[in-house]
Amino acid sequence: MFTFLLDDTFLYLAFEIYLFVYILGIITYSVCFNGLSSFAYPALLNSNLSFTLFSLSVVGLLFSTSDLNLIDLSNVTSFGIIFKTILLTSVVLINQISKKTLNGIGIFKYEYDAILLFSVLGLLLLNSCNDLLMFYLGVELQSLSFYVLATFNRNSEYNAEAGIKYFILGALSSGFLLFGFSLIYISFGTVVFEDIIKLNISGDFMTSWSLLFIIIALLFKIGAFPFHQWLCDVYEGVLITITAFYSAVPKAILFALLTRLIFTFVTSFVDGVESLIIFSGLSSIIMASIAALYQKRLKRLLAYSAISHSGFILLAIGCNSVDSIKASVIYILIYLVMTTALFSVIFIVLRSTELPKFLINWSYFATQNQNLGLTFSCLIFSMAGIPPLAGFYSKLGVFSCLLFNDFVLTSAVVAIFSSIACFYYIRLIRVFFFVENSKSTLWSGFNSSVTNFILSWCIIFTVFCLCKPTFLSILSTLISVSLI
């Protein structure tokens, strides 16, 4: 059943309640000490970030462990608990590697930490939702926080432009979502997922259109074709720390929500939803592979890479089988690890100089930074899907899922455009090692022990994932069983 309301509801939502109280406390603390020169600039933000990371790590671990001990993992609640843990882990890692970078680019406002936490709270509500009202509340809380983060650097014209585009298009997608919810309420007379499934009204015209609007809104939030264009502009315009947050943190929850809708809610009423997901995923890969060939800016290249990876996950979800859940979960986990490692390298460079915006600025980067250049190259090869790295294992699972479900033509098209996508990844390797730049060459070292530690473990996972992928297989199997 698609339900998250347990007998012990308070326990299941304990972390969300704690996070809300914590946000109120951190805002009160910041307002009280903001007027003191010894706290306000920049010590206040640093203290908030440090205590937030510690609090999320310890309290999140305690709540997740208690949930796992008291809730039967054979039901759907394990799906939400595991993805809650994945979300909190990605938040802690991304904030940790970007903490010192904020000082380097001159961000000292204490509101930064509070807005990030509001977005995390919205994602947690999405992960625990049991009805349409909680669904919409979580989406809007996460979206409004992201709108503010997109315009956080008020001194940048690109930042303001990205925020305005994101807000306008995001409001449009929220309108689609709300309209779909209203049609569902008209058809079923309830907003609770469990009651809607019990009614089991299939083939209804209004129901079909309502679910179509909801899927379109989620595809926009994910940044999949044909609702992807905002992603490139936002990636380019926002701060690099927020780009890292956008790339990693919301992906797991949004794809988990789409997976739950497809497997436990949508397919009970509407046929052909899988075809829509497959079309969006395939088109995302095709479009991103071609468009990325002409990109000269690093952030836009990362944006099209993210769209391509989203396409692979959508293809796995669209197969609508147990293996597709396993393939999508493995892909999400590996993508989060690779993204964390990639931005760790970028943040290390950013602490020594300004962010190199154009690809040519990275020329001969590896000659001055041998270890960092090899690490970056390894991550790029993994994202391209070169064996035996972790990226190859994730894409292999998607291809296996497609072939097992008789999507032979789709698999052939994906293989062709994945080969084309390898070109713009390998072009970065060429820039790192073989292209000379007469102006300057980037140099940086591992000047942060924590970032160095996180990056090292991510690289170990990326390189040696195929040696023993047992953990990923067991975790993905547990999640897939919870939805059957």
Protein backbone atom coordinates (compact mmCIF):
# COMPACT_ATOMS: atom_id res chain seq x y z
CA MET A 1 0.00 0.00 0.00
CA PHE A 2 1.06 3.57 -0.60
CA THR A 3 0.80 4.71 2.99
CA PHE A 4 3.17 6.28 5.45
CA LEU A 5 0.81 6.86 8.36
CA LEU A 6 1.80 4.29 10.98
CA ASP A 7 0.33 3.63 14.38
CA ASP A 8 3.35 5.40 15.77
CA THR A 9 3.17 8.40 13.45
CA PHE A 10 5.05 10.67 15.78
CA LEU A 11 8.06 8.36 15.77
CA TYR A 12 8.16 8.15 11.99
CA LEU A 13 7.96 11.93 11.64
CA ALA A 14 10.19 12.61 14.64
CA PHE A 15 13.10 13.88 12.59
CA GLU A 16 10.90 16.26 10.57
CA ILE A 17 9.48 17.65 13.82
CA TYR A 18 12.96 17.97 15.28
CA LEU A 19 14.27 19.72 12.17
CA PHE A 20 11.41 22.24 12.25
CA VAL A 21 12.12 23.06 15.91
CA TYR A 22 15.83 23.26 15.14
CA ILE A 23 15.21 25.76 12.31
CA LEU A 24 13.20 27.98 14.62
CA GLY A 25 15.99 27.79 17.19
CA ILE A 26 18.75 28.57 14.70
CA ILE A 27 16.83 31.58 13.37
CA THR A 28 16.23 32.88 16.91
CA TYR A 29 19.88 32.37 17.79
CA SER A 30 21.05 34.14 14.63
CA VAL A 31 18.74 37.13 15.09
CA CYS A 32 19.88 37.58 18.69
CA PHE A 33 23.61 37.48 17.88
CA ASN A 34 23.52 39.16 14.48
CA GLY A 35 24.05 42.59 16.03
CA LEU A 36 27.33 41.59 17.71
CA SER A 37 30.37 42.29 15.57
CA SER A 38 32.24 39.31 17.03
CA PHE A 39 29.51 36.93 15.85
CA ALA A 40 27.97 38.49 12.80
CA TYR A 41 30.81 38.47 10.26
CA PRO A 42 31.59 35.68 9.38
CA ALA A 43 31.61 33.64 12.59
CA LEU A 44 27.81 33.39 12.81
CA LEU A 45 27.37 31.51 9.54
CA ASN A 46 30.36 29.28 10.27
CA SER A 47 29.04 28.35 13.70
CA ASN A 48 25.57 27.68 12.31
CA LEU A 49 26.90 25.46 9.52
CA SER A 50 29.19 23.52 11.84
CA PHE A 51 26.50 22.86 14.43
CA THR A 52 23.96 22.03 11.71
CA LEU A 53 26.24 19.43 10.19
CA PHE A 54 26.90 17.88 13.60
CA SER A 55 23.21 17.93 14.50
CA LEU A 56 22.03 16.40 11.22
CA SER A 57 24.69 13.69 11.43
CA VAL A 58 24.07 12.60 15.02
CA VAL A 59 20.33 13.14 15.40
CA GLY A 60 19.57 11.86 11.90
CA LEU A 61 21.52 8.69 12.61
CA LEU A 62 19.68 8.15 15.91
CA PHE A 63 16.22 8.68 14.40
CA SER A 64 16.95 6.52 11.34
CA THR A 65 18.30 3.73 13.51
CA SER A 66 15.29 3.82 15.84
CA ASP A 67 12.91 3.80 12.85
CA LEU A 68 14.68 0.80 11.34
CA ASN A 69 14.46 -1.10 14.63
CA LEU A 70 10.77 -0.43 15.21
CA ILE A 71 9.34 -0.59 11.70
CA ASP A 72 8.94 -3.77 9.68
CA LEU A 73 11.22 -3.55 6.66
CA SER A 74 8.94 -5.79 4.63
CA ASN A 75 6.52 -2.92 4.00
CA VAL A 76 6.72 0.31 2.07
CA THR A 77 7.88 2.40 5.02
CA SER A 78 11.41 1.07 4.61
CA PHE A 79 11.49 2.84 1.25
CA GLY A 80 10.97 6.22 2.91
CA ILE A 81 13.37 5.52 5.78
CA ILE A 82 16.23 4.50 3.49
CA PHE A 83 15.80 7.50 1.23
CA LYS A 84 15.56 9.76 4.26
CA THR A 85 18.97 8.44 5.30
CA ILE A 86 20.34 8.96 1.78
CA LEU A 87 19.04 12.54 1.78
CA LEU A 88 20.59 13.41 5.14
CA THR A 89 23.91 11.85 4.12
CA SER A 90 24.06 13.84 0.89
CA VAL A 91 23.16 17.07 2.73
CA VAL A 92 25.93 16.57 5.28
CA LEU A 93 28.54 15.73 2.62
CA ILE A 94 27.68 18.58 0.25
CA ASN A 95 27.52 21.17 3.03
CA GLN A 96 30.78 19.91 4.52
CA ILE A 97 32.78 20.17 1.31
CA SER A 98 31.31 23.60 0.50
CA LYS A 99 31.56 25.17 3.98
CA LYS A 100 34.95 26.84 3.57
CA THR A 101 34.18 27.80 -0.02
CA LEU A 102 31.38 30.09 1.18
CA ASN A 103 33.92 32.26 2.97
CA GLY A 104 36.10 32.34 -0.13
CA ILE A 105 33.32 33.75 -2.28
CA GLY A 106 32.15 36.18 0.40
CA ILE A 107 28.90 34.64 1.61
CA PHE A 108 28.48 35.38 5.31
CA LYS A 109 24.71 35.77 5.72
CA TYR A 110 23.28 33.52 8.40
CA GLU A 111 20.07 33.10 6.37
CA TYR A 112 21.96 30.78 4.01
CA ASP A 113 21.97 27.91 6.48
CA ALA A 114 18.32 28.43 7.47
CA ILE A 115 17.10 28.42 3.86
CA LEU A 116 19.05 25.25 3.13
CA LEU A 117 17.38 23.60 6.10
CA PHE A 118 13.94 24.71 4.93
CA SER A 119 14.58 23.03 1.57
CA VAL A 120 15.70 19.85 3.37
CA LEU A 121 12.54 19.95 5.49
CA GLY A 122 10.44 20.23 2.33
CA LEU A 123 12.20 17.21 0.83
CA LEU A 124 11.65 15.22 4.03
CA LEU A 125 7.94 16.07 3.95
CA LEU A 126 7.82 14.88 0.34
CA ASN A 127 9.49 11.66 1.38
CA SER A 128 6.94 11.06 4.17
CA CYS A 129 3.79 12.32 2.48
CA ASN A 130 0.57 10.33 2.73
CA ASP A 131 -1.85 12.68 1.01
CA LEU A 132 -1.95 15.38 -1.65
CA LEU A 133 -1.89 18.24 0.84
CA MET A 134 1.40 17.08 2.39
CA PHE A 135 2.68 16.41 -1.12
CA TYR A 136 1.98 19.97 -2.21
CA LEU A 137 3.30 21.46 1.04
CA GLY A 138 6.60 19.60 0.64
CA VAL A 139 6.96 20.60 -3.02
CA GLU A 140 6.26 24.26 -2.35
CA LEU A 141 8.51 24.47 0.71
CA GLN A 142 11.37 22.93 -1.24
CA SER A 143 10.69 25.06 -4.32
CA LEU A 144 10.39 28.38 -2.46
CA SER A 145 13.65 27.68 -0.67
CA PHE A 146 15.36 26.94 -3.97
CA TYR A 147 14.00 30.16 -5.50
CA VAL A 148 15.58 32.18 -2.69
CA LEU A 149 18.86 30.27 -2.95
CA ALA A 150 18.95 30.92 -6.69
CA THR A 151 18.98 34.68 -6.07
CA PHE A 152 21.09 34.65 -2.93
CA ASN A 153 23.98 36.56 -4.47
CA ARG A 154 22.21 39.87 -5.09
CA ASN A 155 25.32 41.51 -6.55
CA SER A 156 25.30 39.25 -9.59
CA GLU A 157 23.09 39.98 -12.60
CA TYR A 158 23.36 36.35 -13.73
CA ASN A 159 22.16 35.27 -10.30
CA ALA A 160 19.08 37.48 -10.49
CA GLU A 161 18.30 36.31 -14.02
CA ALA A 162 18.59 32.66 -13.02
CA GLY A 163 16.36 33.21 -10.00
CA ILE A 164 13.64 34.97 -11.99
CA LYS A 165 13.58 32.27 -14.68
CA TYR A 166 13.49 29.55 -12.05
CA PHE A 167 10.68 31.27 -10.15
CA ILE A 168 8.46 31.86 -13.19
CA LEU A 169 8.85 28.37 -14.63
CA GLY A 170 8.65 26.81 -11.18
CA ALA A 171 5.39 28.63 -10.50
CA LEU A 172 4.05 27.28 -13.79
CA SER A 173 4.94 23.71 -12.85
CA SER A 174 3.39 24.20 -9.40
CA GLY A 175 0.21 25.32 -11.14
CA PHE A 176 0.19 22.10 -13.18
CA LEU A 177 0.68 20.11 -9.99
CA LEU A 178 -2.11 21.88 -8.12
CA PHE A 179 -4.46 21.54 -11.10
CA GLY A 180 -3.75 17.81 -11.22
CA PHE A 181 -4.49 17.53 -7.49
CA SER A 182 -7.79 19.36 -7.93
CA LEU A 183 -8.86 16.97 -10.71
CA ILE A 184 -8.00 13.99 -8.51
CA TYR A 185 -10.10 15.42 -5.68
CA ILE A 186 -13.01 15.96 -8.05
CA SER A 187 -12.75 12.36 -9.29
CA PHE A 188 -12.20 10.58 -5.97
CA GLY A 189 -13.50 12.96 -3.32
CA THR A 190 -10.43 12.46 -1.12
CA VAL A 191 -6.79 13.50 -0.99
CA VAL A 192 -5.43 10.47 0.94
CA PHE A 193 -3.38 8.10 -1.21
CA GLU A 194 -4.62 4.95 0.51
CA ASP A 195 -8.28 5.89 -0.05
CA ILE A 196 -7.62 6.77 -3.69
CA ILE A 197 -6.03 3.37 -4.33
CA LYS A 198 -8.92 1.55 -2.64
CA LEU A 199 -11.46 3.29 -4.90
CA ASN A 200 -9.53 1.95 -7.95
CA ILE A 201 -11.23 4.09 -10.61
CA SER A 202 -9.38 3.25 -13.83
CA GLY A 203 -9.79 4.56 -17.33
CA ASP A 204 -11.50 7.77 -16.24
CA PHE A 205 -10.76 10.74 -18.51
CA MET A 206 -10.33 13.23 -15.68
CA THR A 207 -8.12 10.86 -13.71
CA SER A 208 -5.85 10.33 -16.69
CA TRP A 209 -5.37 14.05 -17.22
CA SER A 210 -4.83 14.73 -13.53
CA LEU A 211 -2.03 12.15 -13.31
CA LEU A 212 -0.54 13.48 -16.53
CA PHE A 213 -0.29 16.98 -15.00
CA ILE A 214 1.34 15.55 -11.86
CA ILE A 215 3.94 13.62 -13.88
CA ILE A 216 4.71 16.73 -15.96
CA ALA A 217 5.27 18.78 -12.80
CA LEU A 218 7.63 16.16 -11.39
CA LEU A 219 9.54 15.96 -14.66
CA PHE A 220 10.05 19.72 -14.44
CA LYS A 221 11.35 19.47 -10.88
CA ILE A 222 13.77 16.75 -11.98
CA GLY A 223 14.90 18.74 -15.03
CA ALA A 224 14.06 16.14 -17.66
CA PHE A 225 13.23 16.75 -21.33
CA PRO A 226 11.23 18.70 -22.48
CA PHE A 227 11.15 20.67 -19.21
CA HIS A 228 14.91 20.98 -18.83
CA GLN A 229 15.86 24.42 -20.10
CA TRP A 230 15.63 26.13 -16.72
CA LEU A 231 18.27 23.77 -15.34
CA CYS A 232 21.04 25.08 -17.61
CA ASP A 233 20.33 28.74 -16.81
CA VAL A 234 20.07 28.09 -13.07
CA TYR A 235 23.27 26.06 -12.95
CA GLU A 236 25.08 28.82 -14.80
CA GLY A 237 23.75 31.73 -12.75
CA VAL A 238 23.72 30.55 -9.13
CA LEU A 239 26.62 30.24 -6.71
CA ILE A 240 28.78 27.17 -7.19
CA THR A 241 27.89 25.89 -3.70
CA ILE A 242 24.20 26.07 -4.55
CA THR A 243 24.88 24.36 -7.88
CA ALA A 244 26.39 21.46 -5.94
CA PHE A 245 23.34 21.41 -3.65
CA TYR A 246 20.95 21.38 -6.62
CA SER A 247 22.91 18.62 -8.34
CA ALA A 248 22.93 16.11 -5.51
CA VAL A 249 20.47 16.73 -2.68
CA PRO A 250 16.97 16.83 -4.27
CA LYS A 251 17.65 14.11 -6.86
CA ALA A 252 17.23 11.13 -4.55
CA ILE A 253 13.91 12.26 -3.03
CA LEU A 254 12.34 13.44 -6.29
CA PHE A 255 13.19 10.22 -8.10
CA ALA A 256 12.05 8.19 -5.09
CA LEU A 257 8.73 10.05 -5.13
CA LEU A 258 8.32 9.45 -8.87
CA THR A 259 9.13 5.76 -8.34
CA ARG A 260 6.48 5.41 -5.64
CA LEU A 261 3.91 7.14 -7.82
CA ILE A 262 4.66 4.94 -10.81
CA PHE A 263 4.71 1.61 -8.97
CA THR A 264 1.99 2.04 -6.37
CA PHE A 265 -0.32 4.79 -7.58
CA VAL A 266 -0.26 5.79 -11.24
CA THR A 267 -0.18 2.41 -12.97
CA SER A 268 -3.33 1.35 -11.12
CA PHE A 269 -5.38 3.88 -13.09
CA VAL A 270 -3.62 4.94 -16.30
CA ASP A 271 -2.00 2.86 -19.01
CA GLY A 272 0.86 4.29 -21.00
CA VAL A 273 2.56 6.25 -18.21
CA GLU A 274 5.61 4.06 -18.67
CA SER A 275 5.80 5.16 -22.31
CA LEU A 276 5.79 8.82 -21.24
CA ILE A 277 8.61 8.19 -18.76
CA ILE A 278 10.61 6.22 -21.36
CA PHE A 279 10.12 9.00 -23.92
CA SER A 280 11.26 11.68 -21.49
CA GLY A 281 14.29 9.67 -20.41
CA LEU A 282 15.37 8.80 -23.95
CA SER A 283 14.86 12.37 -25.17
CA SER A 284 16.86 13.70 -22.21
CA ILE A 285 19.83 11.52 -23.16
CA ILE A 286 19.63 12.44 -26.85
CA MET A 287 19.23 16.17 -26.25
CA ALA A 288 21.93 16.38 -23.56
CA SER A 289 24.44 14.35 -25.58
CA ILE A 290 24.10 16.64 -28.58
CA ALA A 291 23.81 19.98 -26.77
CA ALA A 292 26.81 19.30 -24.52
CA LEU A 293 29.07 18.98 -27.55
CA TYR A 294 28.84 22.74 -28.13
CA GLN A 295 29.27 23.91 -24.54
CA LYS A 296 32.29 25.98 -23.60
CA ARG A 297 31.33 26.71 -19.98
CA LEU A 298 31.92 24.23 -17.19
CA LYS A 299 28.62 24.76 -15.37
CA ARG A 300 26.52 24.30 -18.49
CA LEU A 301 28.43 21.14 -19.28
CA LEU A 302 27.64 19.86 -15.79
CA ALA A 303 23.98 20.81 -16.30
CA TYR A 304 23.66 18.79 -19.50
CA SER A 305 25.51 15.93 -17.84
CA ALA A 306 22.93 16.00 -15.01
CA ILE A 307 20.09 15.95 -17.57
CA SER A 308 21.64 12.92 -19.26
CA HIS A 309 21.98 11.06 -15.96
CA SER A 310 18.37 11.91 -15.12
CA GLY A 311 17.41 10.37 -18.44
CA PHE A 312 19.07 7.08 -17.50
CA ILE A 313 17.21 6.96 -14.19
CA LEU A 314 13.91 7.70 -15.94
CA LEU A 315 14.55 4.86 -18.39
CA ALA A 316 15.06 2.48 -15.49
CA ILE A 317 11.89 3.67 -13.73
CA GLY A 318 9.87 3.47 -16.96
CA CYS A 319 10.53 -0.26 -17.33
CA ASN A 320 8.10 -0.80 -14.44
CA SER A 321 9.58 -3.95 -12.93
CA VAL A 322 11.42 -5.08 -9.81
CA ASP A 323 14.72 -4.92 -11.68
CA SER A 324 13.97 -1.36 -12.76
CA ILE A 325 13.68 -0.26 -9.11
CA LYS A 326 17.01 -1.91 -8.34
CA ALA A 327 18.67 -0.31 -11.37
CA SER A 328 17.33 3.17 -10.55
CA VAL A 329 18.37 2.96 -6.87
CA ILE A 330 21.89 1.82 -7.78
CA TYR A 331 22.16 4.60 -10.35
CA ILE A 332 21.00 7.24 -7.87
CA LEU A 333 23.50 6.13 -5.21
CA ILE A 334 26.43 6.02 -7.62
CA TYR A 335 25.43 9.36 -9.13
CA LEU A 336 25.39 10.98 -5.68
CA VAL A 337 28.87 9.64 -4.90
CA MET A 338 30.29 10.83 -8.23
CA THR A 339 28.67 14.25 -7.91
CA THR A 340 30.02 14.72 -4.38
CA ALA A 341 33.53 13.81 -5.53
CA LEU A 342 33.31 16.03 -8.60
CA PHE A 343 32.31 19.12 -6.66
CA SER A 344 34.93 18.33 -4.02
CA VAL A 345 37.57 18.78 -6.71
CA ILE A 346 35.95 22.00 -7.92
CA PHE A 347 35.79 23.42 -4.40
CA ILE A 348 39.45 22.63 -3.85
CA VAL A 349 40.29 24.67 -6.94
CA LEU A 350 37.88 27.42 -5.92
CA ARG A 351 39.65 28.02 -2.63
CA SER A 352 42.85 28.97 -4.43
CA THR A 353 41.41 31.13 -7.19
CA GLU A 354 38.15 32.18 -8.78
CA LEU A 355 36.02 29.50 -10.36
CA PRO A 356 37.30 28.70 -13.88
CA LYS A 357 34.11 29.32 -15.88
CA PHE A 358 35.31 28.20 -19.30
CA LEU A 359 36.75 24.83 -20.21
CA ILE A 360 39.85 26.45 -21.68
CA ASN A 361 40.69 27.82 -18.24
CA TRP A 362 41.37 24.25 -17.13
CA SER A 363 44.09 23.75 -19.73
CA TYR A 364 47.20 21.95 -18.50
CA PHE A 365 45.51 21.62 -15.13
CA ALA A 366 46.85 18.08 -14.68
CA THR A 367 50.46 19.09 -15.25
CA GLN A 368 50.43 21.35 -12.19
CA ASN A 369 48.14 19.15 -10.10
CA GLN A 370 49.00 15.53 -10.90
CA ASN A 371 46.94 13.88 -8.15
CA LEU A 372 43.98 16.20 -8.55
CA GLY A 373 44.10 15.93 -12.34
CA LEU A 374 44.09 12.13 -12.24
CA THR A 375 41.25 12.18 -9.71
CA PHE A 376 39.17 14.52 -11.86
CA SER A 377 39.90 12.41 -14.94
CA CYS A 378 38.83 9.24 -13.13
CA LEU A 379 35.52 10.86 -12.18
CA ILE A 380 34.92 12.01 -15.74
CA PHE A 381 35.58 8.52 -17.10
CA SER A 382 33.16 7.11 -14.54
CA MET A 383 30.43 9.58 -15.55
CA ALA A 384 31.00 8.59 -19.17
CA GLY A 385 30.43 4.95 -18.22
CA ILE A 386 33.91 3.62 -18.94
CA PRO A 387 34.51 0.17 -17.35
CA PRO A 388 35.39 -0.92 -14.73
CA LEU A 389 34.39 2.25 -12.87
CA ALA A 390 31.17 2.71 -10.87
CA GLY A 391 29.49 4.72 -13.63
CA PHE A 392 29.76 1.71 -15.94
CA TYR A 393 28.08 -0.50 -13.34
CA SER A 394 25.14 1.90 -12.96
CA LYS A 395 24.58 2.21 -16.71
CA LEU A 396 24.97 -1.54 -17.17
CA GLY A 397 22.05 -2.05 -14.80
CA VAL A 398 19.87 0.29 -16.86
CA PHE A 399 20.81 -1.43 -20.13
CA SER A 400 20.11 -4.85 -18.61
CA CYS A 401 16.72 -3.64 -17.43
CA LEU A 402 15.83 -2.27 -20.86
CA LEU A 403 16.87 -5.44 -22.68
CA PHE A 404 15.09 -7.68 -20.18
CA ASN A 405 11.85 -5.75 -20.82
CA ASP A 406 12.28 -5.93 -24.62
CA PHE A 407 13.23 -2.28 -25.18
CA VAL A 408 15.84 -3.35 -27.75
CA LEU A 409 15.54 -0.32 -30.03
CA THR A 410 15.64 2.04 -27.06
CA SER A 411 18.78 0.32 -25.80
CA ALA A 412 20.45 0.71 -29.19
CA VAL A 413 19.64 4.43 -29.33
CA VAL A 414 20.89 4.95 -25.78
CA ALA A 415 24.12 3.11 -26.60
CA ILE A 416 24.72 5.30 -29.66
CA PHE A 417 24.17 8.59 -27.86
CA SER A 418 26.10 7.43 -24.82
CA SER A 419 29.05 6.92 -27.15
CA ILE A 420 28.53 10.44 -28.48
CA ALA A 421 28.40 11.76 -24.91
CA CYS A 422 31.82 10.21 -24.26
CA PHE A 423 33.27 12.81 -26.63
CA TYR A 424 32.54 15.83 -24.44
CA TYR A 425 33.75 13.95 -21.37
CA ILE A 426 36.99 12.97 -23.08
CA ARG A 427 37.35 16.53 -24.34
CA LEU A 428 37.82 17.57 -20.71
CA ILE A 429 40.66 15.05 -20.42
CA ARG A 430 42.24 16.57 -23.49
CA VAL A 431 41.98 20.04 -21.98
CA PHE A 432 43.50 18.86 -18.70
CA PHE A 433 46.54 17.20 -20.23
CA PHE A 434 47.19 18.42 -23.77
CA VAL A 435 45.87 21.96 -24.33
CA GLU A 436 48.18 24.87 -23.57
CA ASN A 437 46.90 28.14 -22.19
CA SER A 438 49.13 31.16 -22.65
CA LYS A 439 47.50 33.21 -19.89
CA SER A 440 47.63 31.10 -16.74
CA THR A 441 47.41 27.62 -15.38
CA LEU A 442 45.35 26.60 -12.37
CA TRP A 443 47.23 25.30 -9.38
CA SER A 444 45.79 24.04 -6.15
CA GLY A 445 46.43 21.41 -3.52
CA PHE A 446 44.53 19.37 -0.95
CA ASN A 447 44.25 22.17 1.59
CA SER A 448 41.26 20.76 3.45
CA SER A 449 41.60 17.52 5.36
CA VAL A 450 37.83 16.91 5.56
CA THR A 451 37.27 17.49 1.85
CA ASN A 452 40.33 15.38 1.12
CA PHE A 453 38.91 12.57 3.25
CA ILE A 454 35.47 12.69 1.57
CA LEU A 455 37.00 12.85 -1.88
CA SER A 456 39.32 9.92 -1.15
CA TRP A 457 36.49 7.64 -0.08
CA CYS A 458 34.34 8.67 -3.04
CA ILE A 459 37.20 7.85 -5.41
CA ILE A 460 37.78 4.49 -3.72
CA PHE A 461 34.09 3.69 -4.15
CA THR A 462 34.15 4.83 -7.79
CA VAL A 463 37.20 2.79 -8.73
CA PHE A 464 36.57 -0.38 -6.73
CA CYS A 465 32.77 -0.56 -6.84
CA LEU A 466 32.78 -3.54 -9.21
CA CYS A 467 35.09 -5.50 -6.92
CA LYS A 468 32.29 -6.09 -4.45
CA PRO A 469 28.94 -4.45 -5.28
CA THR A 470 27.13 -6.57 -2.68
CA PHE A 471 26.01 -3.63 -0.53
CA LEU A 472 24.37 -1.83 -3.45
CA SER A 473 22.67 -5.02 -4.57
CA ILE A 474 21.28 -5.79 -1.11
CA LEU A 475 20.10 -2.23 -0.53
CA SER A 476 18.41 -1.98 -3.92
CA THR A 477 16.74 -5.37 -3.41
CA LEU A 478 15.40 -4.28 -0.01
CA ILE A 479 13.94 -1.12 -1.51
CA SER A 480 12.38 -2.93 -4.46
CA VAL A 481 10.77 -5.56 -2.21
CA SER A 482 9.23 -2.82 -0.07
CA LEU A 483 7.20 -1.58 -3.05
CA ILE A 484 5.95 -4.92 -4.28
